[in-house]
Amino acid sequence: MVFQTPPMTTPEYCTADFSLIPIGSKDVSFSKQVAEIQRLIQNTGLKSQMHATGTTVEGTWDQVSQTIGCAHTMIHNEGVGRIQTDIRIATRTDKIQPMEESISSVQRVLST
């Protein structure tokens, strides 16, 4: 008996917050690699915001996941043999909500 996998789709648009963590690197500073990842993201044209412990990026699911994968490849190519990445992805079906709008919504509540 052969089982057919139903067609699967991903959400069209997402916001992802991610942080790459090199494992086994002798250098405790990762700022050079973070800068390279920021350049990579800038070259994709995706909207992003770097923060103290990672980066938030938004775009299509495929663009975002491919960009995070390319960041892995870049760092592996520099000799880091193992990387662990924390990723938090948000999607909505009712509307596209840019990251600035999410922040503004909370700031409005704080100001009341």
Protein backbone atom coordinates (compact mmCIF):
# COMPACT_ATOMS: atom_id res chain seq x y z
CA MET A 1 0.00 0.00 0.00
CA VAL A 2 1.39 3.42 -1.00
CA PHE A 3 0.48 6.46 1.06
CA GLN A 4 0.23 9.84 -0.61
CA THR A 5 1.41 12.86 1.33
CA PRO A 6 -1.13 15.66 1.05
CA PRO A 7 0.20 18.85 -0.53
CA MET A 8 1.68 21.08 2.12
CA THR A 9 2.05 24.84 2.03
CA THR A 10 3.79 27.34 4.24
CA PRO A 11 2.39 30.69 5.38
CA GLU A 12 2.96 33.39 2.80
CA TYR A 13 4.49 36.02 5.10
CA CYS A 14 6.29 35.82 8.43
CA THR A 15 8.41 37.63 10.95
CA ALA A 16 11.28 35.61 12.40
CA ASP A 17 13.60 36.40 15.24
CA PHE A 18 16.78 34.35 15.13
CA SER A 19 20.14 34.01 16.80
CA LEU A 20 22.98 31.82 15.51
CA ILE A 21 25.13 30.26 18.22
CA PRO A 22 28.49 28.82 17.13
CA ILE A 23 29.44 25.68 19.03
CA GLY A 24 33.09 24.87 19.65
CA SER A 25 34.53 28.12 18.32
CA LYS A 26 37.79 29.15 19.98
CA ASP A 27 36.96 32.86 19.63
CA VAL A 28 34.48 34.25 22.15
CA SER A 29 33.75 37.29 19.96
CA PHE A 30 31.22 36.78 17.17
CA SER A 31 30.86 40.41 16.03
CA LYS A 32 32.65 39.87 12.69
CA GLN A 33 30.26 37.04 11.81
CA VAL A 34 27.23 39.03 13.01
CA ALA A 35 28.29 41.87 10.70
CA GLU A 36 28.59 39.41 7.80
CA ILE A 37 25.11 38.07 8.53
CA GLN A 38 23.75 41.64 8.62
CA ARG A 39 25.32 42.30 5.18
CA LEU A 40 23.77 39.09 3.89
CA ILE A 41 20.34 40.18 5.12
CA GLN A 42 20.77 43.68 3.65
CA ASN A 43 21.61 42.11 0.28
CA THR A 44 18.35 40.12 0.32
CA GLY A 45 16.27 43.29 0.53
CA LEU A 46 14.30 41.86 3.44
CA LYS A 47 13.27 44.20 6.24
CA SER A 48 15.30 43.50 9.37
CA GLN A 49 16.23 44.84 12.78
CA MET A 50 19.33 43.74 14.64
CA HIS A 51 19.15 43.73 18.43
CA ALA A 52 21.50 42.77 21.24
CA THR A 53 20.92 39.01 21.02
CA GLY A 54 19.82 38.40 17.45
CA THR A 55 18.01 39.73 14.43
CA THR A 56 14.37 40.07 13.46
CA VAL A 57 13.68 39.66 9.76
CA GLU A 58 10.41 39.73 7.84
CA GLY A 59 9.37 38.60 4.40
CA THR A 60 7.98 35.54 2.71
CA TRP A 61 8.42 32.28 4.57
CA ASP A 62 10.70 30.97 1.83
CA GLN A 63 12.90 34.10 1.75
CA VAL A 64 13.25 34.23 5.52
CA SER A 65 14.06 30.53 5.94
CA GLN A 66 16.49 30.61 3.00
CA THR A 67 18.27 33.64 4.47
CA ILE A 68 18.71 31.92 7.83
CA GLY A 69 20.02 28.84 6.03
CA CYS A 70 22.47 30.94 4.02
CA ALA A 71 23.71 32.51 7.27
CA HIS A 72 24.44 29.00 8.53
CA THR A 73 26.36 28.15 5.39
CA MET A 74 28.40 31.36 5.60
CA ILE A 75 29.48 30.64 9.17
CA HIS A 76 30.17 26.96 8.44
CA ASN A 77 32.38 28.06 5.53
CA GLU A 78 34.46 30.05 8.02
CA GLY A 79 35.35 26.84 9.83
CA VAL A 80 32.66 26.68 12.51
CA GLY A 81 31.69 23.03 12.46
CA ARG A 82 28.53 23.26 14.52
CA ILE A 83 25.86 25.94 14.86
CA GLN A 84 22.73 25.97 16.96
CA THR A 85 20.07 28.52 16.06
CA ASP A 86 17.17 29.74 18.11
CA ILE A 87 14.30 30.83 15.85
CA ARG A 88 10.92 32.26 16.79
CA ILE A 89 8.55 32.73 13.84
CA ALA A 90 5.28 34.66 13.87
CA THR A 91 2.59 34.47 11.21
CA ARG A 92 -0.87 35.96 10.86
CA THR A 93 -3.73 34.99 8.60
CA ASP A 94 -5.89 38.07 9.13
CA LYS A 95 -3.37 40.65 7.91
CA ILE A 96 0.26 41.41 7.28
CA GLN A 97 1.59 43.22 10.34
CA PRO A 98 5.06 44.71 9.91
CA MET A 99 7.35 44.50 12.94
CA GLU A 100 7.09 48.27 13.53
CA GLU A 101 3.32 48.00 13.81
CA SER A 102 3.61 45.27 16.44
CA ILE A 103 5.89 47.50 18.52
CA SER A 104 3.68 50.57 18.01
CA SER A 105 0.65 48.65 19.20
CA VAL A 106 2.31 47.84 22.53
CA GLN A 107 3.68 51.39 22.87
CA ARG A 108 0.15 52.79 22.48
CA VAL A 109 -1.04 50.60 25.33
CA LEU A 110 1.93 51.68 27.49
CA SER A 111 1.17 55.36 26.91
CA THR A 112 -2.39 55.10 28.26
